[in-house]
Amino acid sequence: MIFCIPCIILVLYFAVLGIFFPRYRGYIREGWRCFLDKIRGRKCSASFDNKMRHALSMWLVERNMQRLGKFFYNERNFKWTFITIGAVTTVLFCLLVVFLMYPPCTPGVCVI
């Protein structure tokens, strides 16, 4: 199931971006379709992850970051990077929820 993680992470990020920027809403639909295809064991018809990998690599190369663009152009590096980003985002979200539910208290004074 590790092959599905980059697509779902990209869908989640584009879902947040789609709230503020309408041009990213098409990526949400395409990414969700790709994620469901990979869950079913089919080849991704839209090749959403490849499309995003190429777009990210080209964006980096256009800004004179050739080595970083070459790094993300490698499919394995791209997938592991988004798995790491997803894990870090999940941990930070859980820590935020815990902090909001149980604020730090000193004896006698609790700050909300």
PDB file of N, CA and C in Angstrom:
ATOM      1  N   MET A   1       0.810  -1.203   0.000  1.00  0.00           N
ATOM      2  CA  MET A   1       0.000   0.000   0.000  1.00  0.00           C
ATOM      3  C   MET A   1       0.853   1.267   0.000  1.00  0.00           C
ATOM      4  N   ILE A   2       2.174   1.113   0.082  1.00  0.00           N
ATOM      5  CA  ILE A   2       3.048   2.275   0.131  1.00  0.00           C
ATOM      6  C   ILE A   2       2.985   3.079  -1.160  1.00  0.00           C
ATOM      7  N   PHE A   3       2.609   2.451  -2.263  1.00  0.00           N
ATOM      8  CA  PHE A   3       2.550   3.134  -3.548  1.00  0.00           C
ATOM      9  C   PHE A   3       1.379   4.102  -3.625  1.00  0.00           C
ATOM     10  N   CYS A   4       0.422   4.026  -2.723  1.00  0.00           N
ATOM     11  CA  CYS A   4      -0.745   4.915  -2.741  1.00  0.00           C
ATOM     12  C   CYS A   4      -0.517   6.195  -1.945  1.00  0.00           C
ATOM     13  N   ILE A   5       0.468   6.191  -1.074  1.00  0.00           N
ATOM     14  CA  ILE A   5       0.650   7.304  -0.155  1.00  0.00           C
ATOM     15  C   ILE A   5       0.961   8.628  -0.852  1.00  0.00           C
ATOM     16  N   PRO A   6       1.871   8.684  -1.845  1.00  0.00           N
ATOM     17  CA  PRO A   6       2.124   9.999  -2.468  1.00  0.00           C
ATOM     18  C   PRO A   6       0.881  10.614  -3.099  1.00  0.00           C
ATOM     19  N   CYS A   7       0.043   9.802  -3.728  1.00  0.00           N
ATOM     20  CA  CYS A   7      -1.167  10.356  -4.350  1.00  0.00           C
ATOM     21  C   CYS A   7      -2.115  10.923  -3.303  1.00  0.00           C
ATOM     22  N   ILE A   8      -2.322  10.217  -2.210  1.00  0.00           N
ATOM     23  CA  ILE A   8      -3.271  10.698  -1.204  1.00  0.00           C
ATOM     24  C   ILE A   8      -2.732  11.927  -0.491  1.00  0.00           C
ATOM     25  N   ILE A   9      -1.410  12.001  -0.281  1.00  0.00           N
ATOM     26  CA  ILE A   9      -0.828  13.190   0.337  1.00  0.00           C
ATOM     27  C   ILE A   9      -0.996  14.391  -0.578  1.00  0.00           C
ATOM     28  N   LEU A  10      -0.744  14.190  -1.874  1.00  0.00           N
ATOM     29  CA  LEU A  10      -0.934  15.282  -2.830  1.00  0.00           C
ATOM     30  C   LEU A  10      -2.394  15.713  -2.894  1.00  0.00           C
ATOM     31  N   VAL A  11      -3.312  14.762  -2.823  1.00  0.00           N
ATOM     32  CA  VAL A  11      -4.741  15.098  -2.841  1.00  0.00           C
ATOM     33  C   VAL A  11      -5.086  15.953  -1.618  1.00  0.00           C
ATOM     34  N   LEU A  12      -4.567  15.583  -0.453  1.00  0.00           N
ATOM     35  CA  LEU A  12      -4.862  16.350   0.752  1.00  0.00           C
ATOM     36  C   LEU A  12      -4.302  17.764   0.676  1.00  0.00           C
ATOM     37  N   TYR A  13      -3.078  17.893   0.184  1.00  0.00           N
ATOM     38  CA  TYR A  13      -2.505  19.227   0.059  1.00  0.00           C
ATOM     39  C   TYR A  13      -3.258  20.065  -0.968  1.00  0.00           C
ATOM     40  N   PHE A  14      -3.636  19.458  -2.081  1.00  0.00           N
ATOM     41  CA  PHE A  14      -4.379  20.212  -3.087  1.00  0.00           C
ATOM     42  C   PHE A  14      -5.793  20.512  -2.609  1.00  0.00           C
ATOM     43  N   ALA A  15      -6.334  19.692  -1.712  1.00  0.00           N
ATOM     44  CA  ALA A  15      -7.651  19.988  -1.150  1.00  0.00           C
ATOM     45  C   ALA A  15      -7.579  21.256  -0.304  1.00  0.00           C
ATOM     46  N   VAL A  16      -6.511  21.404   0.459  1.00  0.00           N
ATOM     47  CA  VAL A  16      -6.344  22.622   1.256  1.00  0.00           C
ATOM     48  C   VAL A  16      -6.102  23.811   0.338  1.00  0.00           C
ATOM     49  N   LEU A  17      -5.235  23.640  -0.663  1.00  0.00           N
ATOM     50  CA  LEU A  17      -4.972  24.729  -1.601  1.00  0.00           C
ATOM     51  C   LEU A  17      -6.210  25.080  -2.425  1.00  0.00           C
ATOM     52  N   GLY A  18      -7.038  24.070  -2.729  1.00  0.00           N
ATOM     53  CA  GLY A  18      -8.235  24.287  -3.527  1.00  0.00           C
ATOM     54  C   GLY A  18      -9.261  25.173  -2.851  1.00  0.00           C
ATOM     55  N   ILE A  19      -9.182  25.260  -1.527  1.00  0.00           N
ATOM     56  CA  ILE A  19     -10.089  26.142  -0.797  1.00  0.00           C
ATOM     57  C   ILE A  19      -9.809  27.595  -1.176  1.00  0.00           C
ATOM     58  N   PHE A  20      -8.535  27.931  -1.297  1.00  0.00           N
ATOM     59  CA  PHE A  20      -8.142  29.310  -1.547  1.00  0.00           C
ATOM     60  C   PHE A  20      -7.872  29.624  -3.024  1.00  0.00           C
ATOM     61  N   PHE A  21      -7.410  28.620  -3.782  1.00  0.00           N
ATOM     62  CA  PHE A  21      -7.044  28.824  -5.183  1.00  0.00           C
ATOM     63  C   PHE A  21      -7.811  27.842  -6.062  1.00  0.00           C
ATOM     64  N   PRO A  22      -8.790  28.304  -6.822  1.00  0.00           N
ATOM     65  CA  PRO A  22      -9.622  27.408  -7.631  1.00  0.00           C
ATOM     66  C   PRO A  22      -8.862  26.636  -8.709  1.00  0.00           C
ATOM     67  N   ARG A  23      -7.709  27.115  -9.133  1.00  0.00           N
ATOM     68  CA  ARG A  23      -6.988  26.413 -10.204  1.00  0.00           C
ATOM     69  C   ARG A  23      -6.472  25.049  -9.770  1.00  0.00           C
ATOM     70  N   TYR A  24      -6.393  24.778  -8.471  1.00  0.00           N
ATOM     71  CA  TYR A  24      -5.912  23.492  -7.982  1.00  0.00           C
ATOM     72  C   TYR A  24      -7.029  22.466  -7.808  1.00  0.00           C
ATOM     73  N   ARG A  25      -8.251  22.822  -8.008  1.00  0.00           N
ATOM     74  CA  ARG A  25      -9.366  21.903  -7.780  1.00  0.00           C
ATOM     75  C   ARG A  25      -9.397  20.752  -8.776  1.00  0.00           C
ATOM     76  N   GLY A  26      -8.933  20.964  -9.991  1.00  0.00           N
ATOM     77  CA  GLY A  26      -8.865  19.885 -10.970  1.00  0.00           C
ATOM     78  C   GLY A  26      -7.878  18.808 -10.556  1.00  0.00           C
ATOM     79  N   TYR A  27      -6.797  19.214  -9.866  1.00  0.00           N
ATOM     80  CA  TYR A  27      -5.805  18.251  -9.392  1.00  0.00           C
ATOM     81  C   TYR A  27      -6.392  17.327  -8.325  1.00  0.00           C
ATOM     82  N   ILE A  28      -7.329  17.830  -7.555  1.00  0.00           N
ATOM     83  CA  ILE A  28      -7.943  17.007  -6.505  1.00  0.00           C
ATOM     84  C   ILE A  28      -8.693  15.833  -7.136  1.00  0.00           C
ATOM     85  N   ARG A  29      -9.487  16.122  -8.132  1.00  0.00           N
ATOM     86  CA  ARG A  29     -10.260  15.085  -8.814  1.00  0.00           C
ATOM     87  C   ARG A  29      -9.338  14.060  -9.470  1.00  0.00           C
ATOM     88  N   GLU A  30      -8.324  14.556 -10.146  1.00  0.00           N
ATOM     89  CA  GLU A  30      -7.381  13.690 -10.843  1.00  0.00           C
ATOM     90  C   GLU A  30      -6.582  12.821  -9.860  1.00  0.00           C
ATOM     91  N   GLY A  31      -6.152  13.420  -8.763  1.00  0.00           N
ATOM     92  CA  GLY A  31      -5.398  12.683  -7.753  1.00  0.00           C
ATOM     93  C   GLY A  31      -6.241  11.635  -7.050  1.00  0.00           C
ATOM     94  N   TRP A  32      -7.491  11.956  -6.756  1.00  0.00           N
ATOM     95  CA  TRP A  32      -8.380  10.991  -6.108  1.00  0.00           C
ATOM     96  C   TRP A  32      -8.639   9.796  -7.022  1.00  0.00           C
ATOM     97  N   ARG A  33      -8.837  10.067  -8.308  1.00  0.00           N
ATOM     98  CA  ARG A  33      -9.047   8.989  -9.275  1.00  0.00           C
ATOM     99  C   ARG A  33      -7.809   8.091  -9.339  1.00  0.00           C
ATOM    100  N   CYS A  34      -6.640   8.697  -9.333  1.00  0.00           N
ATOM    101  CA  CYS A  34      -5.388   7.940  -9.362  1.00  0.00           C
ATOM    102  C   CYS A  34      -5.239   7.099  -8.093  1.00  0.00           C
ATOM    103  N   PHE A  35      -5.560   7.677  -6.943  1.00  0.00           N
ATOM    104  CA  PHE A  35      -5.470   6.950  -5.678  1.00  0.00           C
ATOM    105  C   PHE A  35      -6.390   5.734  -5.677  1.00  0.00           C
ATOM    106  N   LEU A  36      -7.625   5.914  -6.132  1.00  0.00           N
ATOM    107  CA  LEU A  36      -8.558   4.786  -6.166  1.00  0.00           C
ATOM    108  C   LEU A  36      -8.111   3.706  -7.147  1.00  0.00           C
ATOM    109  N   ASP A  37      -7.544   4.116  -8.282  1.00  0.00           N
ATOM    110  CA  ASP A  37      -7.024   3.138  -9.237  1.00  0.00           C
ATOM    111  C   ASP A  37      -5.892   2.321  -8.634  1.00  0.00           C
ATOM    112  N   LYS A  38      -5.017   2.968  -7.883  1.00  0.00           N
ATOM    113  CA  LYS A  38      -3.902   2.245  -7.265  1.00  0.00           C
ATOM    114  C   LYS A  38      -4.384   1.320  -6.156  1.00  0.00           C
ATOM    115  N   ILE A  39      -5.417   1.711  -5.427  1.00  0.00           N
ATOM    116  CA  ILE A  39      -5.991   0.843  -4.393  1.00  0.00           C
ATOM    117  C   ILE A  39      -6.564  -0.419  -5.038  1.00  0.00           C
ATOM    118  N   ARG A  40      -7.207  -0.250  -6.181  1.00  0.00           N
ATOM    119  CA  ARG A  40      -7.815  -1.389  -6.881  1.00  0.00           C
ATOM    120  C   ARG A  40      -6.784  -2.262  -7.582  1.00  0.00           C
ATOM    121  N   GLY A  41      -5.528  -1.837  -7.609  1.00  0.00           N
ATOM    122  CA  GLY A  41      -4.489  -2.629  -8.250  1.00  0.00           C
ATOM    123  C   GLY A  41      -4.315  -2.339  -9.724  1.00  0.00           C
ATOM    124  N   ARG A  42      -4.945  -1.296 -10.209  1.00  0.00           N
ATOM    125  CA  ARG A  42      -4.811  -0.909 -11.610  1.00  0.00           C
ATOM    126  C   ARG A  42      -3.670   0.087 -11.763  1.00  0.00           C
ATOM    127  N   LYS A  43      -3.262   0.253 -12.992  1.00  0.00           N
ATOM    128  CA  LYS A  43      -2.289   1.293 -13.264  1.00  0.00           C
ATOM    129  C   LYS A  43      -3.023   2.628 -13.281  1.00  0.00           C
ATOM    130  N   CYS A  44      -2.399   3.636 -12.741  1.00  0.00           N
ATOM    131  CA  CYS A  44      -3.026   4.949 -12.647  1.00  0.00           C
ATOM    132  C   CYS A  44      -3.249   5.512 -14.041  1.00  0.00           C
ATOM    133  N   SER A  45      -4.508   5.690 -14.403  1.00  0.00           N
ATOM    134  CA  SER A  45      -4.827   6.146 -15.749  1.00  0.00           C
ATOM    135  C   SER A  45      -4.355   7.569 -16.003  1.00  0.00           C
ATOM    136  N   ALA A  46      -4.432   8.401 -14.997  1.00  0.00           N
ATOM    137  CA  ALA A  46      -4.046   9.795 -15.170  1.00  0.00           C
ATOM    138  C   ALA A  46      -2.560  10.012 -14.902  1.00  0.00           C
ATOM    139  N   SER A  47      -1.894   9.017 -14.314  1.00  0.00           N
ATOM    140  CA  SER A  47      -0.492   9.113 -13.885  1.00  0.00           C
ATOM    141  C   SER A  47      -0.251  10.429 -13.156  1.00  0.00           C
ATOM    142  N   PHE A  48      -1.080  10.658 -12.159  1.00  0.00           N
ATOM    143  CA  PHE A  48      -1.049  11.909 -11.398  1.00  0.00           C
ATOM    144  C   PHE A  48       0.287  12.117 -10.704  1.00  0.00           C
ATOM    145  N   ASP A  49       0.819  11.072 -10.079  1.00  0.00           N
ATOM    146  CA  ASP A  49       2.078  11.235  -9.370  1.00  0.00           C
ATOM    147  C   ASP A  49       3.219  11.562 -10.332  1.00  0.00           C
ATOM    148  N   ASN A  50       3.214  10.956 -11.530  1.00  0.00           N
ATOM    149  CA  ASN A  50       4.246  11.285 -12.513  1.00  0.00           C
ATOM    150  C   ASN A  50       4.095  12.723 -13.004  1.00  0.00           C
ATOM    151  N   LYS A  51       2.869  13.139 -13.192  1.00  0.00           N
ATOM    152  CA  LYS A  51       2.606  14.509 -13.640  1.00  0.00           C
ATOM    153  C   LYS A  51       3.116  15.510 -12.606  1.00  0.00           C
ATOM    154  N   MET A  52       2.853  15.258 -11.334  1.00  0.00           N
ATOM    155  CA  MET A  52       3.310  16.142 -10.271  1.00  0.00           C
ATOM    156  C   MET A  52       4.824  16.078 -10.102  1.00  0.00           C
ATOM    157  N   ARG A  53       5.397  14.900 -10.292  1.00  0.00           N
ATOM    158  CA  ARG A  53       6.854  14.747 -10.187  1.00  0.00           C
ATOM    159  C   ARG A  53       7.542  15.569 -11.274  1.00  0.00           C
ATOM    160  N   HIS A  54       7.037  15.485 -12.489  1.00  0.00           N
ATOM    161  CA  HIS A  54       7.601  16.265 -13.591  1.00  0.00           C
ATOM    162  C   HIS A  54       7.397  17.769 -13.365  1.00  0.00           C
ATOM    163  N   ALA A  55       6.221  18.152 -12.892  1.00  0.00           N
ATOM    164  CA  ALA A  55       5.942  19.571 -12.666  1.00  0.00           C
ATOM    165  C   ALA A  55       6.863  20.141 -11.589  1.00  0.00           C
ATOM    166  N   LEU A  56       7.068  19.391 -10.510  1.00  0.00           N
ATOM    167  CA  LEU A  56       7.949  19.852  -9.438  1.00  0.00           C
ATOM    168  C   LEU A  56       9.394  19.946  -9.918  1.00  0.00           C
ATOM    169  N   SER A  57       9.839  18.946 -10.656  1.00  0.00           N
ATOM    170  CA  SER A  57      11.209  18.952 -11.171  1.00  0.00           C
ATOM    171  C   SER A  57      11.431  20.133 -12.111  1.00  0.00           C
ATOM    172  N   MET A  58      10.491  20.369 -12.998  1.00  0.00           N
ATOM    173  CA  MET A  58      10.635  21.488 -13.936  1.00  0.00           C
ATOM    174  C   MET A  58      10.583  22.837 -13.220  1.00  0.00           C
ATOM    175  N   TRP A  59       9.757  22.956 -12.208  1.00  0.00           N
ATOM    176  CA  TRP A  59       9.674  24.192 -11.444  1.00  0.00           C
ATOM    177  C   TRP A  59      11.015  24.485 -10.765  1.00  0.00           C
ATOM    178  N   LEU A  60      11.631  23.440 -10.211  1.00  0.00           N
ATOM    179  CA  LEU A  60      12.930  23.618  -9.562  1.00  0.00           C
ATOM    180  C   LEU A  60      14.021  23.965 -10.567  1.00  0.00           C
ATOM    181  N   VAL A  61      14.024  23.311 -11.723  1.00  0.00           N
ATOM    182  CA  VAL A  61      15.038  23.575 -12.738  1.00  0.00           C
ATOM    183  C   VAL A  61      14.908  24.998 -13.283  1.00  0.00           C
ATOM    184  N   GLU A  62      13.690  25.465 -13.451  1.00  0.00           N
ATOM    185  CA  GLU A  62      13.471  26.828 -13.933  1.00  0.00           C
ATOM    186  C   GLU A  62      13.991  27.875 -12.958  1.00  0.00           C
ATOM    187  N   ARG A  63      14.108  27.521 -11.700  1.00  0.00           N
ATOM    188  CA  ARG A  63      14.603  28.445 -10.683  1.00  0.00           C
ATOM    189  C   ARG A  63      16.060  28.166 -10.321  1.00  0.00           C
ATOM    190  N   ASN A  64      16.791  27.561 -11.255  1.00  0.00           N
ATOM    191  CA  ASN A  64      18.223  27.277 -11.122  1.00  0.00           C
ATOM    192  C   ASN A  64      18.564  26.372  -9.935  1.00  0.00           C
ATOM    193  N   MET A  65      17.727  25.383  -9.680  1.00  0.00           N
ATOM    194  CA  MET A  65      18.000  24.373  -8.665  1.00  0.00           C
ATOM    195  C   MET A  65      18.065  23.012  -9.358  1.00  0.00           C
ATOM    196  N   GLN A  66      19.032  22.861 -10.253  1.00  0.00           N
ATOM    197  CA  GLN A  66      19.124  21.659 -11.087  1.00  0.00           C
ATOM    198  C   GLN A  66      19.346  20.396 -10.266  1.00  0.00           C
ATOM    199  N   ARG A  67      20.195  20.453  -9.268  1.00  0.00           N
ATOM    200  CA  ARG A  67      20.482  19.249  -8.471  1.00  0.00           C
ATOM    201  C   ARG A  67      19.249  18.786  -7.703  1.00  0.00           C
ATOM    202  N   LEU A  68      18.510  19.735  -7.156  1.00  0.00           N
ATOM    203  CA  LEU A  68      17.282  19.386  -6.439  1.00  0.00           C
ATOM    204  C   LEU A  68      16.215  18.878  -7.406  1.00  0.00           C
ATOM    205  N   GLY A  69      16.149  19.484  -8.591  1.00  0.00           N
ATOM    206  CA  GLY A  69      15.212  19.008  -9.610  1.00  0.00           C
ATOM    207  C   GLY A  69      15.537  17.597 -10.057  1.00  0.00           C
ATOM    208  N   LYS A  70      16.818  17.299 -10.198  1.00  0.00           N
ATOM    209  CA  LYS A  70      17.232  15.949 -10.579  1.00  0.00           C
ATOM    210  C   LYS A  70      16.910  14.944  -9.467  1.00  0.00           C
ATOM    211  N   PHE A  71      17.044  15.386  -8.210  1.00  0.00           N
ATOM    212  CA  PHE A  71      16.721  14.527  -7.072  1.00  0.00           C
ATOM    213  C   PHE A  71      15.241  14.146  -7.090  1.00  0.00           C
ATOM    214  N   PHE A  72      14.352  15.140  -7.300  1.00  0.00           N
ATOM    215  CA  PHE A  72      12.917  14.853  -7.297  1.00  0.00           C
ATOM    216  C   PHE A  72      12.446  14.172  -8.575  1.00  0.00           C
ATOM    217  N   TYR A  73      13.236  14.245  -9.634  1.00  0.00           N
ATOM    218  CA  TYR A  73      12.859  13.568 -10.863  1.00  0.00           C
ATOM    219  C   TYR A  73      12.939  12.048 -10.704  1.00  0.00           C
ATOM    220  N   ASN A  74      13.807  11.588  -9.809  1.00  0.00           N
ATOM    221  CA  ASN A  74      13.890  10.157  -9.504  1.00  0.00           C
ATOM    222  C   ASN A  74      12.605   9.753  -8.782  1.00  0.00           C
ATOM    223  N   GLU A  75      11.908   8.763  -9.323  1.00  0.00           N
ATOM    224  CA  GLU A  75      10.589   8.381  -8.792  1.00  0.00           C
ATOM    225  C   GLU A  75      10.656   7.909  -7.350  1.00  0.00           C
ATOM    226  N   ARG A  76      11.682   7.152  -7.002  1.00  0.00           N
ATOM    227  CA  ARG A  76      11.800   6.627  -5.643  1.00  0.00           C
ATOM    228  C   ARG A  76      12.006   7.765  -4.637  1.00  0.00           C
ATOM    229  N   ASN A  77      12.855   8.732  -4.983  1.00  0.00           N
ATOM    230  CA  ASN A  77      13.082   9.875  -4.089  1.00  0.00           C
ATOM    231  C   ASN A  77      11.813  10.699  -3.916  1.00  0.00           C
ATOM    232  N   PHE A  78      11.063  10.861  -4.995  1.00  0.00           N
ATOM    233  CA  PHE A  78       9.815  11.624  -4.949  1.00  0.00           C
ATOM    234  C   PHE A  78       8.826  10.968  -3.997  1.00  0.00           C
ATOM    235  N   LYS A  79       8.670   9.654  -4.121  1.00  0.00           N
ATOM    236  CA  LYS A  79       7.710   8.945  -3.257  1.00  0.00           C
ATOM    237  C   LYS A  79       8.118   9.017  -1.795  1.00  0.00           C
ATOM    238  N   TRP A  80       9.385   8.767  -1.496  1.00  0.00           N
ATOM    239  CA  TRP A  80       9.823   8.769  -0.102  1.00  0.00           C
ATOM    240  C   TRP A  80       9.776  10.162   0.499  1.00  0.00           C
ATOM    241  N   THR A  81       9.998  11.169  -0.304  1.00  0.00           N
ATOM    242  CA  THR A  81       9.895  12.539   0.196  1.00  0.00           C
ATOM    243  C   THR A  81       8.462  12.841   0.620  1.00  0.00           C
ATOM    244  N   PHE A  82       7.490  12.438  -0.191  1.00  0.00           N
ATOM    245  CA  PHE A  82       6.105  12.720   0.166  1.00  0.00           C
ATOM    246  C   PHE A  82       5.603  11.829   1.295  1.00  0.00           C
ATOM    247  N   ILE A  83       6.164  10.643   1.430  1.00  0.00           N
ATOM    248  CA  ILE A  83       5.828   9.810   2.584  1.00  0.00           C
ATOM    249  C   ILE A  83       6.328  10.477   3.861  1.00  0.00           C
ATOM    250  N   THR A  84       7.545  11.016   3.802  1.00  0.00           N
ATOM    251  CA  THR A  84       8.118  11.711   4.955  1.00  0.00           C
ATOM    252  C   THR A  84       7.321  12.971   5.282  1.00  0.00           C
ATOM    253  N   ILE A  85       6.978  13.747   4.261  1.00  0.00           N
ATOM    254  CA  ILE A  85       6.179  14.962   4.479  1.00  0.00           C
ATOM    255  C   ILE A  85       4.823  14.606   5.096  1.00  0.00           C
ATOM    256  N   GLY A  86       4.204  13.540   4.617  1.00  0.00           N
ATOM    257  CA  GLY A  86       2.919  13.102   5.167  1.00  0.00           C
ATOM    258  C   GLY A  86       3.027  12.676   6.617  1.00  0.00           C
ATOM    259  N   ALA A  87       4.106  11.960   6.942  1.00  0.00           N
ATOM    260  CA  ALA A  87       4.301  11.518   8.327  1.00  0.00           C
ATOM    261  C   ALA A  87       4.536  12.708   9.250  1.00  0.00           C
ATOM    262  N   VAL A  88       5.358  13.639   8.827  1.00  0.00           N
ATOM    263  CA  VAL A  88       5.635  14.823   9.646  1.00  0.00           C
ATOM    264  C   VAL A  88       4.374  15.659   9.830  1.00  0.00           C
ATOM    265  N   THR A  89       3.606  15.827   8.766  1.00  0.00           N
ATOM    266  CA  THR A  89       2.363  16.595   8.854  1.00  0.00           C
ATOM    267  C   THR A  89       1.378  15.931   9.805  1.00  0.00           C
ATOM    268  N   THR A  90       1.277  14.614   9.747  1.00  0.00           N
ATOM    269  CA  THR A  90       0.374  13.881  10.628  1.00  0.00           C
ATOM    270  C   THR A  90       0.781  14.041  12.094  1.00  0.00           C
ATOM    271  N   VAL A  91       2.071  13.900  12.372  1.00  0.00           N
ATOM    272  CA  VAL A  91       2.560  14.042  13.745  1.00  0.00           C
ATOM    273  C   VAL A  91       2.315  15.464  14.248  1.00  0.00           C
ATOM    274  N   LEU A  92       2.601  16.467  13.428  1.00  0.00           N
ATOM    275  CA  LEU A  92       2.373  17.850  13.847  1.00  0.00           C
ATOM    276  C   LEU A  92       0.898  18.134  14.088  1.00  0.00           C
ATOM    277  N   PHE A  93       0.026  17.579  13.256  1.00  0.00           N
ATOM    278  CA  PHE A  93      -1.412  17.760  13.456  1.00  0.00           C
ATOM    279  C   PHE A  93      -1.855  17.112  14.767  1.00  0.00           C
ATOM    280  N   CYS A  94      -1.367  15.901  15.049  1.00  0.00           N
ATOM    281  CA  CYS A  94      -1.718  15.221  16.308  1.00  0.00           C
ATOM    282  C   CYS A  94      -1.216  16.012  17.517  1.00  0.00           C
ATOM    283  N   LEU A  95       0.011  16.547  17.436  1.00  0.00           N
ATOM    284  CA  LEU A  95       0.537  17.356  18.528  1.00  0.00           C
ATOM    285  C   LEU A  95      -0.272  18.630  18.728  1.00  0.00           C
ATOM    286  N   LEU A  96      -0.730  19.239  17.640  1.00  0.00           N
ATOM    287  CA  LEU A  96      -1.567  20.427  17.748  1.00  0.00           C
ATOM    288  C   LEU A  96      -2.892  20.106  18.428  1.00  0.00           C
ATOM    289  N   VAL A  97      -3.488  18.987  18.066  1.00  0.00           N
ATOM    290  CA  VAL A  97      -4.756  18.584  18.680  1.00  0.00           C
ATOM    291  C   VAL A  97      -4.562  18.319  20.169  1.00  0.00           C
ATOM    292  N   VAL A  98      -3.486  17.628  20.523  1.00  0.00           N
ATOM    293  CA  VAL A  98      -3.221  17.347  21.938  1.00  0.00           C
ATOM    294  C   VAL A  98      -2.975  18.644  22.692  1.00  0.00           C
ATOM    295  N   PHE A  99      -2.221  19.571  22.105  1.00  0.00           N
ATOM    296  CA  PHE A  99      -1.949  20.842  22.757  1.00  0.00           C
ATOM    297  C   PHE A  99      -3.229  21.647  22.961  1.00  0.00           C
ATOM    298  N   LEU A 100      -4.125  21.629  21.971  1.00  0.00           N
ATOM    299  CA  LEU A 100      -5.373  22.373  22.110  1.00  0.00           C
ATOM    300  C   LEU A 100      -6.328  21.729  23.097  1.00  0.00           C
ATOM    301  N   MET A 101      -6.294  20.401  23.198  1.00  0.00           N
ATOM    302  CA  MET A 101      -7.187  19.718  24.135  1.00  0.00           C
ATOM    303  C   MET A 101      -6.671  19.791  25.569  1.00  0.00           C
ATOM    304  N   TYR A 102      -5.359  19.718  25.741  1.00  0.00           N
ATOM    305  CA  TYR A 102      -4.744  19.736  27.070  1.00  0.00           C
ATOM    306  C   TYR A 102      -3.690  20.840  27.127  1.00  0.00           C
ATOM    307  N   PRO A 103      -4.095  22.092  27.325  1.00  0.00           N
ATOM    308  CA  PRO A 103      -3.121  23.189  27.360  1.00  0.00           C
ATOM    309  C   PRO A 103      -2.194  23.042  28.558  1.00  0.00           C
ATOM    310  N   PRO A 104      -0.980  23.580  28.423  1.00  0.00           N
ATOM    311  CA  PRO A 104      -0.030  23.477  29.541  1.00  0.00           C
ATOM    312  C   PRO A 104      -0.497  24.316  30.727  1.00  0.00           C
ATOM    313  N   CYS A 105      -0.420  23.738  31.907  1.00  0.00           N
ATOM    314  CA  CYS A 105      -0.868  24.435  33.114  1.00  0.00           C
ATOM    315  C   CYS A 105       0.279  24.507  34.124  1.00  0.00           C
ATOM    316  N   THR A 106       0.385  25.640  34.775  1.00  0.00           N
ATOM    317  CA  THR A 106       1.294  25.766  35.904  1.00  0.00           C
ATOM    318  C   THR A 106       0.436  25.694  37.145  1.00  0.00           C
ATOM    319  N   PRO A 107       1.016  25.383  38.260  1.00  0.00           N
ATOM    320  CA  PRO A 107       0.203  25.281  39.483  1.00  0.00           C
ATOM    321  C   PRO A 107      -0.512  26.604  39.799  1.00  0.00           C
ATOM    322  N   GLY A 108      -1.790  26.551  39.802  1.00  0.00           N
ATOM    323  CA  GLY A 108      -2.618  27.701  40.127  1.00  0.00           C
ATOM    324  C   GLY A 108      -3.052  28.541  38.934  1.00  0.00           C
ATOM    325  N   VAL A 109      -2.334  28.453  37.805  1.00  0.00           N
ATOM    326  CA  VAL A 109      -2.685  29.260  36.633  1.00  0.00           C
ATOM    327  C   VAL A 109      -2.699  28.362  35.414  1.00  0.00           C
ATOM    328  N   CYS A 110      -3.821  28.333  34.715  1.00  0.00           N
ATOM    329  CA  CYS A 110      -3.926  27.580  33.484  1.00  0.00           C
ATOM    330  C   CYS A 110      -4.192  28.553  32.344  1.00  0.00           C
ATOM    331  N   VAL A 111      -3.390  28.450  31.305  1.00  0.00           N
ATOM    332  CA  VAL A 111      -3.519  29.331  30.160  1.00  0.00           C
ATOM    333  C   VAL A 111      -4.228  28.570  29.058  1.00  0.00           C
ATOM    334  N   ILE A 112      -5.271  29.152  28.517  1.00  0.00           N
ATOM    335  CA  ILE A 112      -6.005  28.497  27.435  1.00  0.00           C
ATOM    336  C   ILE A 112      -5.599  29.117  26.118  1.00  0.00           C
TER     337      ILE A 112
END
